[in-house]
Protein backbone atom coordinates (compact mmCIF):
# COMPACT_ATOMS: atom_id res chain seq x y z
CA UNK A 1 70.60 42.01 86.49
CA UNK A 2 73.16 42.81 83.82
CA UNK A 3 75.20 46.24 83.33
CA UNK A 4 74.99 48.06 79.97
CA UNK A 5 78.31 48.41 78.46
CA UNK A 6 80.17 51.34 79.72
CA UNK A 7 79.65 54.60 77.99
CA UNK A 8 82.98 55.76 76.42
CA UNK A 9 84.34 59.12 78.16
CA UNK A 10 85.44 62.14 76.19
CA UNK A 11 88.85 62.09 75.07
CA UNK A 12 91.14 64.17 77.43
CA UNK A 13 93.46 66.85 76.26
CA UNK A 14 96.60 68.14 78.10
CA UNK A 15 94.82 71.57 77.48
CA UNK A 16 91.61 70.53 78.80
CA UNK A 17 89.47 70.41 75.73
CA UNK A 18 87.84 67.24 73.84
CA UNK A 19 90.02 66.50 70.56
CA UNK A 20 88.12 65.50 67.58
CA UNK A 21 89.31 62.63 65.95
CA UNK A 22 90.80 63.59 62.09
CA UNK A 23 88.55 62.11 59.30
CA UNK A 24 90.77 59.25 58.40
CA UNK A 25 90.90 57.85 62.02
CA UNK A 26 86.82 58.30 62.24
CA UNK A 27 86.27 56.44 59.01
CA UNK A 28 88.78 53.87 59.81
CA UNK A 29 87.40 53.18 62.96
CA UNK A 30 83.66 52.94 61.31
CA UNK A 31 84.83 50.25 59.16
CA UNK A 32 86.92 48.47 61.29
CA UNK A 33 83.67 47.96 63.53
CA UNK A 34 81.99 46.63 60.38
CA UNK A 35 84.76 44.05 59.50
CA UNK A 36 84.77 42.96 63.22
CA UNK A 37 81.02 42.26 63.24
CA UNK A 38 81.70 40.50 59.86
CA UNK A 39 84.25 38.26 61.27
CA UNK A 40 82.47 36.06 63.32
CA UNK A 41 80.50 32.91 62.00
CA UNK A 42 77.72 31.25 64.06
CA UNK A 43 79.12 27.61 64.16
CA UNK A 44 78.49 24.64 66.29
CA UNK A 45 81.01 24.32 69.12
CA UNK A 46 83.11 21.09 69.17
CA UNK A 47 82.49 18.52 71.60
CA UNK A 48 83.41 19.18 75.28
CA UNK A 49 83.98 23.31 74.69
CA UNK A 50 83.30 25.41 77.44
CA UNK A 51 79.80 27.35 76.37
CA UNK A 52 79.80 31.07 77.52
CA UNK A 53 76.59 31.81 75.58
CA UNK A 54 73.85 30.39 73.56
CA UNK A 55 71.20 30.91 71.29
CA UNK A 56 69.47 28.23 69.60
CA UNK A 57 72.39 26.73 67.72
CA UNK A 58 74.38 29.74 67.76
CA UNK A 59 77.26 29.29 70.29
CA UNK A 60 80.14 31.15 71.73
CA UNK A 61 82.92 29.13 73.55
CA UNK A 62 85.38 30.78 76.15
CA UNK A 63 88.12 30.28 73.34
CA UNK A 64 86.13 32.48 70.63
CA UNK A 65 85.22 35.09 73.03
CA UNK A 66 89.20 35.60 73.84
CA UNK A 67 89.57 35.67 70.79
CA UNK A 68 86.92 38.84 70.43
CA UNK A 69 88.21 40.25 73.16
CA UNK A 70 91.45 40.09 72.02
CA UNK A 71 90.68 42.47 68.86
CA UNK A 72 89.65 44.98 71.18
CA UNK A 73 92.00 48.06 71.81
CA UNK A 74 93.58 47.65 75.36
CA UNK A 75 91.10 50.44 76.86
CA UNK A 76 87.80 48.79 75.62
CA UNK A 77 88.81 45.83 76.58
CA UNK A 78 89.30 46.90 80.26
CA UNK A 79 85.85 48.51 80.29
CA UNK A 80 84.28 45.29 79.08
CA UNK A 81 85.97 43.04 81.60
CA UNK A 82 85.79 45.59 84.43
CA UNK A 83 82.85 43.59 85.96
CA UNK A 84 81.05 40.31 85.43
CA UNK A 85 77.88 42.18 84.11
CA UNK A 86 79.96 44.06 81.65
CA UNK A 87 81.36 40.89 80.18
CA UNK A 88 78.07 39.17 80.02
CA UNK A 89 76.34 41.88 78.46
CA UNK A 90 78.87 41.84 75.98
CA UNK A 91 78.90 38.22 75.45
CA UNK A 92 75.08 38.41 75.04
CA UNK A 93 75.50 41.30 72.09
CA UNK A 94 77.94 39.04 70.43
CA UNK A 95 75.85 36.30 70.56
CA UNK A 96 73.16 38.02 68.92
CA UNK A 97 75.37 39.65 66.12
CA UNK A 98 76.32 35.83 65.46
CA UNK A 99 72.75 35.29 65.12
CA UNK A 100 72.10 38.00 62.60
CA UNK A 101 75.09 37.32 60.58
CA UNK A 102 74.27 33.53 60.52
CA UNK A 103 70.89 34.58 59.20
CA UNK A 104 72.04 36.97 56.47
CA UNK A 105 74.56 34.38 55.15
CA UNK A 106 71.74 31.62 55.36
CA UNK A 107 70.12 34.10 52.72
CA UNK A 108 72.87 34.77 51.00
CA UNK A 109 72.66 38.54 51.94
CA UNK A 110 76.87 38.52 51.83
CA UNK A 111 76.98 37.90 47.98
CA UNK A 112 75.37 41.06 47.14
CA UNK A 113 77.48 43.46 45.02
CA UNK A 114 77.40 46.23 47.49
CA UNK A 115 77.90 44.34 50.10
CA UNK A 116 80.98 42.64 48.81
CA UNK A 117 82.06 46.33 47.78
CA UNK A 118 81.68 47.38 51.81
CA UNK A 119 83.52 44.19 53.08
CA UNK A 120 86.39 45.10 50.86
CA UNK A 121 86.82 48.44 52.00
CA UNK A 122 86.22 47.51 55.48
CA UNK A 123 89.10 45.33 54.76
CA UNK A 124 91.36 47.64 53.24
CA UNK A 125 90.66 50.20 55.80
CA UNK A 126 91.58 47.54 58.71
CA UNK A 127 95.29 47.17 56.69
CA UNK A 128 95.74 50.64 56.61
CA UNK A 129 94.97 51.35 60.22
CA UNK A 130 97.15 48.47 61.33
CA UNK A 131 100.01 49.67 59.01
CA UNK A 132 99.91 53.27 60.35
CA UNK A 133 99.82 52.22 63.88
CA UNK A 134 103.11 50.16 63.19
CA UNK A 135 104.77 53.12 61.72
CA UNK A 136 104.12 54.95 64.98
CA UNK A 137 104.61 52.25 67.58
CA UNK A 138 103.46 53.38 71.39
CA UNK A 139 106.23 54.79 73.76
CA UNK A 140 105.84 52.61 77.18
CA UNK A 141 107.44 55.60 79.04
CA UNK A 142 104.66 58.06 77.87
CA UNK A 143 102.99 60.00 79.63
CA UNK A 144 105.26 60.82 82.56
CA UNK A 145 103.69 61.65 86.00
CA UNK A 146 104.14 65.02 85.29
CA UNK A 147 102.16 64.80 81.93
CA UNK A 148 99.45 63.00 84.04
CA UNK A 149 99.29 65.37 86.90
CA UNK A 150 98.86 68.37 84.25
CA UNK A 151 95.88 66.45 82.20
CA UNK A 152 94.06 65.81 85.45
CA UNK A 153 94.47 69.37 86.60
CA UNK A 154 93.16 70.62 83.27
CA UNK A 155 90.50 68.18 83.34
CA UNK A 156 89.10 67.81 86.91
CA UNK A 157 85.90 69.40 86.68
CA UNK A 158 85.05 66.48 83.80
CA UNK A 159 86.41 63.68 85.69
CA UNK A 160 83.54 63.14 87.73
CA UNK A 161 82.64 59.55 88.94
CA UNK A 162 78.85 58.66 88.59
CA UNK A 163 76.59 57.55 91.38
CA UNK A 164 77.57 53.94 92.22
CA UNK A 165 75.17 51.27 93.87
CA UNK A 166 76.48 48.34 95.74
CA UNK A 167 73.83 45.46 94.86
CA UNK A 168 73.04 41.87 95.39
CA UNK A 169 70.82 39.92 93.69
CA UNK A 170 68.24 36.94 93.45
CA UNK A 171 67.90 36.07 90.05
CA UNK A 172 65.11 33.53 88.59
CA UNK A 173 65.61 32.82 85.35
CA UNK A 174 62.84 32.41 82.37
CA UNK A 175 63.69 29.99 79.65
CA UNK A 176 63.81 31.42 76.08
CA UNK A 177 60.37 31.34 74.43
CA UNK A 178 58.46 30.75 77.83
CA UNK A 179 54.60 30.94 77.77
CA UNK A 180 52.94 33.86 79.40
CA UNK A 181 51.98 31.30 81.74
CA UNK A 182 55.27 29.80 82.68
CA UNK A 183 56.45 33.53 82.83
CA UNK A 184 54.07 34.26 85.63
CA UNK A 185 54.88 31.38 87.68
CA UNK A 186 58.42 32.45 87.76
CA UNK A 187 57.16 35.88 88.67
CA UNK A 188 55.10 34.52 91.63
CA UNK A 189 58.14 32.67 93.13
CA UNK A 190 60.06 35.65 92.90
CA UNK A 191 57.16 37.49 94.65
CA UNK A 192 57.23 34.97 97.30
CA UNK A 193 61.13 35.10 97.92
CA UNK A 194 61.08 38.93 98.12
CA UNK A 195 58.35 38.44 100.98
CA UNK A 196 60.81 36.42 102.39
CA UNK A 197 63.83 38.60 101.98
CA UNK A 198 61.77 41.66 103.30
CA UNK A 199 61.01 40.06 106.60
CA UNK A 200 62.60 41.69 109.80
CA UNK A 201 66.19 39.79 110.09
CA UNK A 202 65.96 37.94 107.14
CA UNK A 203 69.19 36.56 105.71
CA UNK A 204 69.24 37.79 102.13
CA UNK A 205 72.65 36.12 101.20
CA UNK A 206 71.29 33.07 102.42
CA UNK A 207 68.10 33.31 100.28
CA UNK A 208 70.42 34.00 97.07
CA UNK A 209 72.83 31.00 97.80
CA UNK A 210 69.74 28.72 97.97
CA UNK A 211 67.52 30.33 95.52
CA UNK A 212 69.42 32.18 92.79
CA UNK A 213 69.84 30.65 89.56
CA UNK A 214 72.84 33.31 88.67
CA UNK A 215 75.67 30.42 89.78
CA UNK A 216 78.50 33.38 89.83
CA UNK A 217 76.64 35.67 92.41
CA UNK A 218 74.64 33.16 94.12
CA UNK A 219 77.81 31.88 95.50
CA UNK A 220 78.57 34.97 97.17
CA UNK A 221 75.17 35.55 98.44
CA UNK A 222 73.76 37.58 95.63
CA UNK A 223 76.61 39.91 95.79
CA UNK A 224 77.50 41.51 92.09
CA UNK A 225 79.76 44.31 93.33
CA UNK A 226 79.42 48.01 92.69
CA UNK A 227 77.87 49.27 89.43
CA UNK A 228 78.29 52.76 87.89
CA UNK A 229 74.52 54.22 87.52
CA UNK A 230 75.03 54.95 83.45
CA UNK A 231 76.01 51.19 83.32
CA UNK A 232 72.97 50.06 84.42
CA UNK A 233 69.71 48.89 82.18
CA UNK A 234 66.88 51.33 82.70
CA UNK A 235 64.63 48.88 84.51
CA UNK A 236 67.26 48.21 87.13
CA UNK A 237 68.46 51.80 87.50
CA UNK A 238 64.93 52.97 87.96
CA UNK A 239 64.32 50.20 90.51
CA UNK A 240 67.20 50.83 92.79
CA UNK A 241 67.87 54.81 92.25
CA UNK A 242 64.81 55.47 94.97
CA UNK A 243 65.96 52.58 97.72
CA UNK A 244 67.33 53.17 100.56
CA UNK A 245 70.38 50.92 102.09
CA UNK A 246 69.26 47.73 102.92
CA UNK A 247 66.11 48.24 100.68
CA UNK A 248 64.54 45.18 99.02
CA UNK A 249 63.10 45.73 95.55
CA UNK A 250 60.11 44.22 94.21
CA UNK A 251 60.75 41.54 91.16
CA UNK A 252 62.17 43.30 88.35
CA UNK A 253 61.73 41.58 84.88
CA UNK A 254 65.04 41.99 82.78
CA UNK A 255 66.25 39.81 79.98
CA UNK A 256 67.05 36.62 81.54
CA UNK A 257 64.33 36.50 84.11
CA UNK A 258 62.93 38.04 87.38
CA UNK A 259 65.68 39.85 89.76
CA UNK A 260 65.21 40.75 93.16
CA UNK A 261 67.65 43.47 94.29
CA UNK A 262 69.29 44.52 97.63
CA UNK A 263 70.80 47.66 97.82
CA UNK A 264 73.81 47.04 100.24
CA UNK A 265 75.49 50.97 99.97
CA UNK A 266 75.35 53.53 97.85
CA UNK A 267 78.23 56.10 96.60
CA UNK A 268 77.22 59.62 95.59
CA UNK A 269 78.43 61.39 92.28
CA UNK A 270 81.75 63.02 93.07
CA UNK A 271 85.09 63.79 91.72
CA UNK A 272 87.67 61.20 90.84
CA UNK A 273 90.92 61.05 92.26
CA UNK A 274 94.03 61.32 90.55
CA UNK A 275 95.07 57.82 91.12
CA UNK A 276 91.54 56.45 89.88
CA UNK A 277 91.62 58.68 86.92
CA UNK A 278 95.31 57.62 85.82
CA UNK A 279 94.27 54.90 83.47
CA UNK A 280 91.77 56.78 81.48
CA UNK A 281 94.23 59.99 81.23
CA UNK A 282 97.06 57.56 80.15
CA UNK A 283 94.92 56.07 77.32
CA UNK A 284 93.91 59.24 76.33
CA UNK A 285 96.85 61.11 76.14
CA UNK A 286 98.60 58.05 74.42
CA UNK A 287 95.96 57.86 72.09
CA UNK A 288 96.37 61.70 71.34
CA UNK A 289 100.26 61.09 70.69
CA UNK A 290 99.37 58.35 68.56
CA UNK A 291 96.91 60.37 66.38
CA UNK A 292 99.65 63.39 66.19
CA UNK A 293 102.33 61.06 65.04
CA UNK A 294 100.25 59.51 62.55
CA UNK A 295 99.23 63.02 61.34
CA UNK A 296 102.84 63.76 60.95
CA UNK A 297 103.72 60.74 58.94
CA UNK A 298 101.18 61.62 56.15
CA UNK A 299 101.83 65.05 56.46
CA UNK A 300 105.57 64.19 55.53
CA UNK A 301 104.22 61.48 52.68
CA UNK A 302 102.52 64.71 51.28
CA UNK A 303 105.47 66.93 51.23
CA UNK A 304 107.70 64.18 49.50
CA UNK A 305 104.94 63.52 47.16
CA UNK A 306 101.96 66.07 47.09
CA UNK A 307 98.62 64.91 45.58
CA UNK A 308 97.98 66.01 42.24
CA UNK A 309 94.07 66.93 41.59
CA UNK A 310 92.38 67.87 38.05
CA UNK A 311 90.31 70.64 39.05
CA UNK A 312 88.33 70.02 35.93
CA UNK A 313 87.38 66.56 36.26
CA UNK A 314 86.71 67.23 39.90
CA UNK A 315 84.32 69.90 39.20
CA UNK A 316 82.54 67.28 36.61
CA UNK A 317 82.22 64.74 39.41
CA UNK A 318 80.76 67.00 42.07
CA UNK A 319 78.30 68.49 39.49
CA UNK A 320 77.32 64.99 38.72
CA UNK A 321 76.91 64.17 42.36
CA UNK A 322 74.80 67.07 42.80
CA UNK A 323 72.44 66.07 39.95
CA UNK A 324 73.00 69.15 37.90
């Protein structure tokens, strides 16, 4: 049972409104993501390396995963590593991207002129982004408690925690490429375990320890912790949303196999406390401060040496672009 990557929260403004990133930030962010995707090249893991995930010959080791996590900004990294489910989903998507990249490179897709130009643009954008960021280093003392409290009060109506589920699971994996008959055999075993788990006085935790094929949750009696509703894949969310506490789901088919879930507890949606919201608010205020300082630096550059436009040539280019 895997949670989807968490949805990014709206940017918080001290005035209580969402801020729109300026055009340069949007462009840099987009091309930065493109470059990040192109940085990973599928390769065999060295002998003895700890594999985190694998698809055929495409492998992701623990060291490679840590390198990729290091490329993320602190807020995104915190979200990805918040739960084991989030990290597992991130690793799965990374391996899939690596597989796609390996396939594209095998077909020489990366040598096409337009792709070469886009990669160059992405590289230049990352250089621009990181250089500009180095000119406005973060202030560890910002924001202070008063700034955080003011932002919290201004945005309290939007700072709401979604419904949360505390789940335990029994996982029976289905090997990649399994035939329908093999899948059905695993399904039948899952149905049998679900019947055992639903009996009066059944010990779900013991059943999970003995039968679940997800080692991390199995050693905890199947406990996967608290999951926020928006971060759950639809089939899992649908299965547990109508359950009562201590209820046992029917086997649910997800990407890696069949999952039987027990709802240990549920928390309804509600306002988030200042203490819980603080990391999100601090990150948003720091991002807003960085954008202000970057914009001020760019404005100073333009004041020192304005950009001269050739309006005649610009009009000609505009007409050509419009097909006139």
